């Protein structure tokens, strides 16, 4: 795990491949087409619903840091705004 500090907000993040992620592990259930997205430890982006308990979870993933960073707009390329 390669830890780093976000240049925008100062939060501790880590990288999964080229994706900066928050360090909190999140339990999920796979749900194709769902709005929430997580990154698996293998680097795959998946659509999920957040699982209530360990017995209902399909796995553990990580939230992309751009989803929680208050400075995310500073790092978006022009024309990539949602």
PDB file of N, CA and C in Angstrom:
ATOM      1  N   UNK A   1       0.857  -1.174   0.000  1.00  0.00           N
ATOM      2  CA  UNK A   1       0.000   0.000   0.000  1.00  0.00           C
ATOM      3  C   UNK A   1       0.903   1.238   0.000  1.00  0.00           C
ATOM      4  N   UNK A   2       0.718   2.088  -0.980  1.00  0.00           N
ATOM      5  CA  UNK A   2       1.511   3.306  -1.115  1.00  0.00           C
ATOM      6  C   UNK A   2       0.715   4.483  -0.563  1.00  0.00           C
ATOM      7  N   UNK A   3       1.031   4.892   0.683  1.00  0.00           N
ATOM      8  CA  UNK A   3       0.336   6.005   1.315  1.00  0.00           C
ATOM      9  C   UNK A   3       0.866   7.328   0.793  1.00  0.00           C
ATOM     10  N   UNK A   4      -0.020   8.308   0.750  1.00  0.00           N
ATOM     11  CA  UNK A   4       0.348   9.647   0.295  1.00  0.00           C
ATOM     12  C   UNK A   4      -0.566  10.652   0.991  1.00  0.00           C
ATOM     13  N   UNK A   5      -0.274  11.911   0.796  1.00  0.00           N
ATOM     14  CA  UNK A   5      -1.119  12.980   1.322  1.00  0.00           C
ATOM     15  C   UNK A   5      -1.745  13.699   0.128  1.00  0.00           C
ATOM     16  N   UNK A   6      -3.052  13.890   0.163  1.00  0.00           N
ATOM     17  CA  UNK A   6      -3.738  14.593  -0.916  1.00  0.00           C
ATOM     18  C   UNK A   6      -3.202  16.025  -0.992  1.00  0.00           C
ATOM     19  N   UNK A   7      -2.825  16.457  -2.186  1.00  0.00           N
ATOM     20  CA  UNK A   7      -2.304  17.809  -2.381  1.00  0.00           C
ATOM     21  C   UNK A   7      -3.399  18.866  -2.287  1.00  0.00           C
ATOM     22  N   UNK A   8      -4.663  18.443  -2.358  1.00  0.00           N
ATOM     23  CA  UNK A   8      -5.765  19.390  -2.285  1.00  0.00           C
ATOM     24  C   UNK A   8      -6.278  19.623  -0.883  1.00  0.00           C
ATOM     25  N   UNK A   9      -6.477  18.526  -0.119  1.00  0.00           N
ATOM     26  CA  UNK A   9      -7.100  18.662   1.202  1.00  0.00           C
ATOM     27  C   UNK A   9      -6.224  18.184   2.354  1.00  0.00           C
ATOM     28  N   UNK A  10      -5.112  17.515   2.052  1.00  0.00           N
ATOM     29  CA  UNK A  10      -4.208  17.047   3.086  1.00  0.00           C
ATOM     30  C   UNK A  10      -4.565  15.701   3.699  1.00  0.00           C
ATOM     31  N   UNK A  11      -5.638  15.057   3.240  1.00  0.00           N
ATOM     32  CA  UNK A  11      -6.045  13.756   3.783  1.00  0.00           C
ATOM     33  C   UNK A  11      -5.027  12.682   3.405  1.00  0.00           C
ATOM     34  N   UNK A  12      -4.888  11.677   4.266  1.00  0.00           N
ATOM     35  CA  UNK A  12      -4.046  10.521   3.949  1.00  0.00           C
ATOM     36  C   UNK A  12      -4.839   9.629   2.998  1.00  0.00           C
ATOM     37  N   UNK A  13      -4.242   9.304   1.869  1.00  0.00           N
ATOM     38  CA  UNK A  13      -4.871   8.462   0.854  1.00  0.00           C
ATOM     39  C   UNK A  13      -3.880   7.370   0.470  1.00  0.00           C
ATOM     40  N   UNK A  14      -4.328   6.427  -0.345  1.00  0.00           N
ATOM     41  CA  UNK A  14      -3.407   5.457  -0.926  1.00  0.00           C
ATOM     42  C   UNK A  14      -3.848   5.178  -2.339  1.00  0.00           C
ATOM     43  N   UNK A  15      -2.967   4.574  -3.079  1.00  0.00           N
ATOM     44  CA  UNK A  15      -3.204   4.348  -4.500  1.00  0.00           C
ATOM     45  C   UNK A  15      -3.467   2.877  -4.767  1.00  0.00           C
ATOM     46  N   UNK A  16      -4.508   2.639  -5.545  1.00  0.00           N
ATOM     47  CA  UNK A  16      -4.754   1.313  -6.116  1.00  0.00           C
ATOM     48  C   UNK A  16      -4.593   1.521  -7.614  1.00  0.00           C
ATOM     49  N   UNK A  17      -3.482   1.071  -8.136  1.00  0.00           N
ATOM     50  CA  UNK A  17      -3.144   1.369  -9.529  1.00  0.00           C
ATOM     51  C   UNK A  17      -2.981   2.865  -9.680  1.00  0.00           C
ATOM     52  N   UNK A  18      -3.758   3.486 -10.570  1.00  0.00           N
ATOM     53  CA  UNK A  18      -3.695   4.932 -10.786  1.00  0.00           C
ATOM     54  C   UNK A  18      -4.811   5.683 -10.073  1.00  0.00           C
ATOM     55  N   UNK A  19      -5.570   4.976  -9.215  1.00  0.00           N
ATOM     56  CA  UNK A  19      -6.719   5.585  -8.555  1.00  0.00           C
ATOM     57  C   UNK A  19      -6.397   5.950  -7.103  1.00  0.00           C
ATOM     58  N   UNK A  20      -6.471   7.252  -6.755  1.00  0.00           N
ATOM     59  CA  UNK A  20      -6.303   7.629  -5.350  1.00  0.00           C
ATOM     60  C   UNK A  20      -7.560   7.249  -4.578  1.00  0.00           C
ATOM     61  N   UNK A  21      -7.387   6.588  -3.431  1.00  0.00           N
ATOM     62  CA  UNK A  21      -8.529   6.103  -2.654  1.00  0.00           C
ATOM     63  C   UNK A  21      -8.422   6.527  -1.190  1.00  0.00           C
ATOM     64  N   UNK A  22      -9.589   6.684  -0.551  1.00  0.00           N
ATOM     65  CA  UNK A  22      -9.625   6.886   0.897  1.00  0.00           C
ATOM     66  C   UNK A  22      -9.175   5.584   1.549  1.00  0.00           C
ATOM     67  N   UNK A  23      -8.630   5.668   2.750  1.00  0.00           N
ATOM     68  CA  UNK A  23      -8.077   4.489   3.407  1.00  0.00           C
ATOM     69  C   UNK A  23      -9.126   3.642   4.129  1.00  0.00           C
ATOM     70  N   UNK A  24     -10.315   4.166   4.330  1.00  0.00           N
ATOM     71  CA  UNK A  24     -11.364   3.416   5.041  1.00  0.00           C
ATOM     72  C   UNK A  24     -11.870   2.243   4.199  1.00  0.00           C
ATOM     73  N   UNK A  25     -11.899   1.059   4.800  1.00  0.00           N
ATOM     74  CA  UNK A  25     -12.473  -0.113   4.129  1.00  0.00           C
ATOM     75  C   UNK A  25     -13.995  -0.032   4.231  1.00  0.00           C
ATOM     76  N   UNK A  26     -14.674  -0.311   3.128  1.00  0.00           N
ATOM     77  CA  UNK A  26     -16.132  -0.239   3.083  1.00  0.00           C
ATOM     78  C   UNK A  26     -16.680  -1.578   2.617  1.00  0.00           C
ATOM     79  N   UNK A  27     -17.587  -2.148   3.394  1.00  0.00           N
ATOM     80  CA  UNK A  27     -18.245  -3.397   2.997  1.00  0.00           C
ATOM     81  C   UNK A  27     -19.325  -3.071   1.964  1.00  0.00           C
ATOM     82  N   UNK A  28     -19.421  -3.921   0.960  1.00  0.00           N
ATOM     83  CA  UNK A  28     -20.382  -3.659  -0.112  1.00  0.00           C
ATOM     84  C   UNK A  28     -21.072  -4.930  -0.563  1.00  0.00           C
ATOM     85  N   UNK A  29     -22.184  -4.703  -1.281  1.00  0.00           N
ATOM     86  CA  UNK A  29     -22.853  -5.749  -2.054  1.00  0.00           C
ATOM     87  C   UNK A  29     -22.819  -5.263  -3.499  1.00  0.00           C
ATOM     88  N   UNK A  30     -22.390  -6.121  -4.393  1.00  0.00           N
ATOM     89  CA  UNK A  30     -22.360  -5.772  -5.814  1.00  0.00           C
ATOM     90  C   UNK A  30     -23.777  -5.488  -6.298  1.00  0.00           C
ATOM     91  N   UNK A  31     -23.936  -4.406  -7.057  1.00  0.00           N
ATOM     92  CA  UNK A  31     -25.248  -4.018  -7.563  1.00  0.00           C
ATOM     93  C   UNK A  31     -25.060  -3.292  -8.891  1.00  0.00           C
ATOM     94  N   UNK A  32     -24.979  -4.044  -9.997  1.00  0.00           N
ATOM     95  CA  UNK A  32     -24.791  -3.408 -11.304  1.00  0.00           C
ATOM     96  C   UNK A  32     -25.819  -2.308 -11.531  1.00  0.00           C
ATOM     97  N   UNK A  33     -25.334  -1.146 -11.953  1.00  0.00           N
ATOM     98  CA  UNK A  33     -26.205  -0.012 -12.213  1.00  0.00           C
ATOM     99  C   UNK A  33     -26.452   0.883 -11.010  1.00  0.00           C
ATOM    100  N   UNK A  34     -26.001   0.491  -9.842  1.00  0.00           N
ATOM    101  CA  UNK A  34     -26.189   1.319  -8.643  1.00  0.00           C
ATOM    102  C   UNK A  34     -25.329   2.572  -8.743  1.00  0.00           C
ATOM    103  N   UNK A  35     -25.703   3.587  -8.008  1.00  0.00           N
ATOM    104  CA  UNK A  35     -25.006   4.867  -8.081  1.00  0.00           C
ATOM    105  C   UNK A  35     -23.651   4.846  -7.364  1.00  0.00           C
ATOM    106  N   UNK A  36     -23.567   4.195  -6.216  1.00  0.00           N
ATOM    107  CA  UNK A  36     -22.311   4.164  -5.470  1.00  0.00           C
ATOM    108  C   UNK A  36     -21.281   3.320  -6.210  1.00  0.00           C
ATOM    109  N   UNK A  37     -20.033   3.794  -6.213  1.00  0.00           N
ATOM    110  CA  UNK A  37     -18.947   3.066  -6.865  1.00  0.00           C
ATOM    111  C   UNK A  37     -17.800   2.938  -5.880  1.00  0.00           C
ATOM    112  N   UNK A  38     -17.193   1.770  -5.882  1.00  0.00           N
ATOM    113  CA  UNK A  38     -16.018   1.514  -5.069  1.00  0.00           C
ATOM    114  C   UNK A  38     -14.943   0.886  -5.942  1.00  0.00           C
ATOM    115  N   UNK A  39     -13.722   0.908  -5.415  1.00  0.00           N
ATOM    116  CA  UNK A  39     -12.596   0.284  -6.081  1.00  0.00           C
ATOM    117  C   UNK A  39     -12.214  -0.942  -5.265  1.00  0.00           C
ATOM    118  N   UNK A  40     -12.127  -2.090  -5.912  1.00  0.00           N
ATOM    119  CA  UNK A  40     -11.729  -3.310  -5.208  1.00  0.00           C
ATOM    120  C   UNK A  40     -10.219  -3.279  -4.972  1.00  0.00           C
ATOM    121  N   UNK A  41      -9.725  -4.095  -4.043  1.00  0.00           N
ATOM    122  CA  UNK A  41      -8.274  -4.153  -3.830  1.00  0.00           C
ATOM    123  C   UNK A  41      -7.502  -4.539  -5.103  1.00  0.00           C
ATOM    124  N   UNK A  42      -8.170  -5.206  -6.033  1.00  0.00           N
ATOM    125  CA  UNK A  42      -7.545  -5.590  -7.304  1.00  0.00           C
ATOM    126  C   UNK A  42      -7.553  -4.458  -8.325  1.00  0.00           C
ATOM    127  N   UNK A  43      -8.223  -3.331  -8.006  1.00  0.00           N
ATOM    128  CA  UNK A  43      -8.249  -2.179  -8.894  1.00  0.00           C
ATOM    129  C   UNK A  43      -9.451  -2.086  -9.805  1.00  0.00           C
ATOM    130  N   UNK A  44     -10.457  -2.907  -9.606  1.00  0.00           N
ATOM    131  CA  UNK A  44     -11.646  -2.885 -10.449  1.00  0.00           C
ATOM    132  C   UNK A  44     -12.681  -1.924  -9.863  1.00  0.00           C
ATOM    133  N   UNK A  45     -13.232  -1.036 -10.700  1.00  0.00           N
ATOM    134  CA  UNK A  45     -14.303  -0.134 -10.278  1.00  0.00           C
ATOM    135  C   UNK A  45     -15.624  -0.875 -10.426  1.00  0.00           C
ATOM    136  N   UNK A  46     -16.424  -0.895  -9.340  1.00  0.00           N
ATOM    137  CA  UNK A  46     -17.695  -1.618  -9.376  1.00  0.00           C
ATOM    138  C   UNK A  46     -18.821  -0.758  -8.815  1.00  0.00           C
ATOM    139  N   UNK A  47     -20.031  -1.017  -9.298  1.00  0.00           N
ATOM    140  CA  UNK A  47     -21.235  -0.377  -8.766  1.00  0.00           C
ATOM    141  C   UNK A  47     -21.722  -1.205  -7.592  1.00  0.00           C
ATOM    142  N   UNK A  48     -22.070  -0.533  -6.492  1.00  0.00           N
ATOM    143  CA  UNK A  48     -22.401  -1.243  -5.261  1.00  0.00           C
ATOM    144  C   UNK A  48     -23.532  -0.574  -4.493  1.00  0.00           C
ATOM    145  N   UNK A  49     -24.086  -1.331  -3.548  1.00  0.00           N
ATOM    146  CA  UNK A  49     -24.862  -0.762  -2.456  1.00  0.00           C
ATOM    147  C   UNK A  49     -24.038  -1.056  -1.211  1.00  0.00           C
ATOM    148  N   UNK A  50     -24.082  -0.146  -0.265  1.00  0.00           N
ATOM    149  CA  UNK A  50     -23.277  -0.325   0.936  1.00  0.00           C
ATOM    150  C   UNK A  50     -23.956  -1.335   1.838  1.00  0.00           C
ATOM    151  N   UNK A  51     -23.217  -2.359   2.247  1.00  0.00           N
ATOM    152  CA  UNK A  51     -23.759  -3.460   3.050  1.00  0.00           C
ATOM    153  C   UNK A  51     -23.888  -3.032   4.506  1.00  0.00           C
ATOM    154  N   UNK A  52     -24.954  -3.470   5.147  1.00  0.00           N
ATOM    155  CA  UNK A  52     -25.206  -3.121   6.539  1.00  0.00           C
ATOM    156  C   UNK A  52     -24.320  -3.907   7.498  1.00  0.00           C
ATOM    157  N   UNK A  53     -24.050  -5.152   7.213  1.00  0.00           N
ATOM    158  CA  UNK A  53     -23.264  -5.985   8.113  1.00  0.00           C
ATOM    159  C   UNK A  53     -22.375  -6.944   7.359  1.00  0.00           C
ATOM    160  N   UNK A  54     -21.431  -7.512   8.070  1.00  0.00           N
ATOM    161  CA  UNK A  54     -20.474  -8.418   7.450  1.00  0.00           C
ATOM    162  C   UNK A  54     -21.154  -9.617   6.802  1.00  0.00           C
ATOM    163  N   UNK A  55     -22.262 -10.088   7.379  1.00  0.00           N
ATOM    164  CA  UNK A  55     -22.936 -11.257   6.831  1.00  0.00           C
ATOM    165  C   UNK A  55     -23.624 -10.972   5.500  1.00  0.00           C
ATOM    166  N   UNK A  56     -23.866  -9.695   5.179  1.00  0.00           N
ATOM    167  CA  UNK A  56     -24.529  -9.332   3.930  1.00  0.00           C
ATOM    168  C   UNK A  56     -23.552  -8.834   2.865  1.00  0.00           C
ATOM    169  N   UNK A  57     -22.287  -8.697   3.210  1.00  0.00           N
ATOM    170  CA  UNK A  57     -21.307  -8.108   2.298  1.00  0.00           C
ATOM    171  C   UNK A  57     -20.774  -9.131   1.298  1.00  0.00           C
ATOM    172  N   UNK A  58     -20.553  -8.641   0.068  1.00  0.00           N
ATOM    173  CA  UNK A  58     -19.885  -9.441  -0.960  1.00  0.00           C
ATOM    174  C   UNK A  58     -18.376  -9.263  -0.866  1.00  0.00           C
ATOM    175  N   UNK A  59     -17.950  -8.149  -0.290  1.00  0.00           N
ATOM    176  CA  UNK A  59     -16.520  -7.885  -0.194  1.00  0.00           C
ATOM    177  C   UNK A  59     -16.243  -6.543   0.436  1.00  0.00           C
ATOM    178  N   UNK A  60     -14.977  -6.136   0.355  1.00  0.00           N
ATOM    179  CA  UNK A  60     -14.526  -4.856   0.893  1.00  0.00           C
ATOM    180  C   UNK A  60     -13.900  -4.067  -0.238  1.00  0.00           C
ATOM    181  N   UNK A  61     -14.236  -2.787  -0.301  1.00  0.00           N
ATOM    182  CA  UNK A  61     -13.673  -1.909  -1.316  1.00  0.00           C
ATOM    183  C   UNK A  61     -13.291  -0.577  -0.702  1.00  0.00           C
ATOM    184  N   UNK A  62     -12.881   0.334  -1.563  1.00  0.00           N
ATOM    185  CA  UNK A  62     -12.421   1.642  -1.129  1.00  0.00           C
ATOM    186  C   UNK A  62     -13.074   2.719  -1.986  1.00  0.00           C
ATOM    187  N   UNK A  63     -13.435   3.827  -1.357  1.00  0.00           N
ATOM    188  CA  UNK A  63     -14.060   4.942  -2.064  1.00  0.00           C
ATOM    189  C   UNK A  63     -12.961   5.734  -2.783  1.00  0.00           C
ATOM    190  N   UNK A  64     -13.159   6.064  -4.067  1.00  0.00           N
ATOM    191  CA  UNK A  64     -12.197   6.927  -4.752  1.00  0.00           C
ATOM    192  C   UNK A  64     -12.114   8.262  -4.010  1.00  0.00           C
ATOM    193  N   UNK A  65     -10.922   8.776  -3.813  1.00  0.00           N
ATOM    194  CA  UNK A  65     -10.775   9.996  -3.008  1.00  0.00           C
ATOM    195  C   UNK A  65     -11.464  11.193  -3.647  1.00  0.00           C
ATOM    196  N   UNK A  66     -11.538  11.242  -4.971  1.00  0.00           N
ATOM    197  CA  UNK A  66     -12.207  12.376  -5.604  1.00  0.00           C
ATOM    198  C   UNK A  66     -13.674  12.492  -5.187  1.00  0.00           C
ATOM    199  N   UNK A  67     -14.269  11.406  -4.694  1.00  0.00           N
ATOM    200  CA  UNK A  67     -15.672  11.436  -4.261  1.00  0.00           C
ATOM    201  C   UNK A  67     -15.848  12.135  -2.918  1.00  0.00           C
ATOM    202  N   UNK A  68     -14.782  12.238  -2.120  1.00  0.00           N
ATOM    203  CA  UNK A  68     -14.886  12.840  -0.795  1.00  0.00           C
ATOM    204  C   UNK A  68     -14.013  14.081  -0.635  1.00  0.00           C
ATOM    205  N   UNK A  69     -13.122  14.341  -1.548  1.00  0.00           N
ATOM    206  CA  UNK A  69     -12.174  15.454  -1.420  1.00  0.00           C
ATOM    207  C   UNK A  69     -12.866  16.792  -1.701  1.00  0.00           C
ATOM    208  N   UNK A  70     -12.788  17.735  -0.752  1.00  0.00           N
ATOM    209  CA  UNK A  70     -13.400  19.042  -0.991  1.00  0.00           C
ATOM    210  C   UNK A  70     -12.695  19.843  -2.082  1.00  0.00           C
ATOM    211  N   UNK A  71     -11.491  19.450  -2.464  1.00  0.00           N
ATOM    212  CA  UNK A  71     -10.724  20.155  -3.496  1.00  0.00           C
ATOM    213  C   UNK A  71     -10.690  19.394  -4.820  1.00  0.00           C
ATOM    214  N   UNK A  72     -11.560  18.424  -5.004  1.00  0.00           N
ATOM    215  CA  UNK A  72     -11.516  17.565  -6.198  1.00  0.00           C
ATOM    216  C   UNK A  72     -11.603  18.346  -7.504  1.00  0.00           C
ATOM    217  N   UNK A  73     -12.360  19.435  -7.542  1.00  0.00           N
ATOM    218  CA  UNK A  73     -12.510  20.203  -8.782  1.00  0.00           C
ATOM    219  C   UNK A  73     -11.187  20.773  -9.284  1.00  0.00           C
ATOM    220  N   UNK A  74     -10.242  20.986  -8.395  1.00  0.00           N
ATOM    221  CA  UNK A  74      -8.941  21.523  -8.802  1.00  0.00           C
ATOM    222  C   UNK A  74      -8.170  20.535  -9.668  1.00  0.00           C
ATOM    223  N   UNK A  75      -8.512  19.255  -9.589  1.00  0.00           N
ATOM    224  CA  UNK A  75      -7.746  18.231 -10.275  1.00  0.00           C
ATOM    225  C   UNK A  75      -8.459  17.642 -11.491  1.00  0.00           C
ATOM    226  N   UNK A  76      -9.682  18.066 -11.748  1.00  0.00           N
ATOM    227  CA  UNK A  76     -10.424  17.551 -12.903  1.00  0.00           C
ATOM    228  C   UNK A  76      -9.931  18.214 -14.175  1.00  0.00           C
ATOM    229  N   UNK A  77      -9.878  17.437 -15.226  1.00  0.00           N
ATOM    230  CA  UNK A  77      -9.498  17.976 -16.523  1.00  0.00           C
ATOM    231  C   UNK A  77     -10.663  18.788 -17.074  1.00  0.00           C
ATOM    232  N   UNK A  78     -10.370  19.802 -17.861  1.00  0.00           N
ATOM    233  CA  UNK A  78     -11.429  20.603 -18.474  1.00  0.00           C
ATOM    234  C   UNK A  78     -12.281  19.703 -19.361  1.00  0.00           C
ATOM    235  N   UNK A  79     -13.591  19.873 -19.290  1.00  0.00           N
ATOM    236  CA  UNK A  79     -14.508  19.086 -20.089  1.00  0.00           C
ATOM    237  C   UNK A  79     -14.932  17.785 -19.406  1.00  0.00           C
ATOM    238  N   UNK A  80     -14.417  17.514 -18.197  1.00  0.00           N
ATOM    239  CA  UNK A  80     -14.755  16.262 -17.496  1.00  0.00           C
ATOM    240  C   UNK A  80     -15.642  16.522 -16.289  1.00  0.00           C
ATOM    241  N   UNK A  81     -16.319  17.608 -16.238  1.00  0.00           N
ATOM    242  CA  UNK A  81     -17.168  17.919 -15.093  1.00  0.00           C
ATOM    243  C   UNK A  81     -18.518  17.236 -15.244  1.00  0.00           C
ATOM    244  N   UNK A  82     -19.035  16.728 -14.160  1.00  0.00           N
ATOM    245  CA  UNK A  82     -20.338  16.047 -14.197  1.00  0.00           C
ATOM    246  C   UNK A  82     -21.445  17.030 -13.911  1.00  0.00           C
TER     247      UNK A  82
END
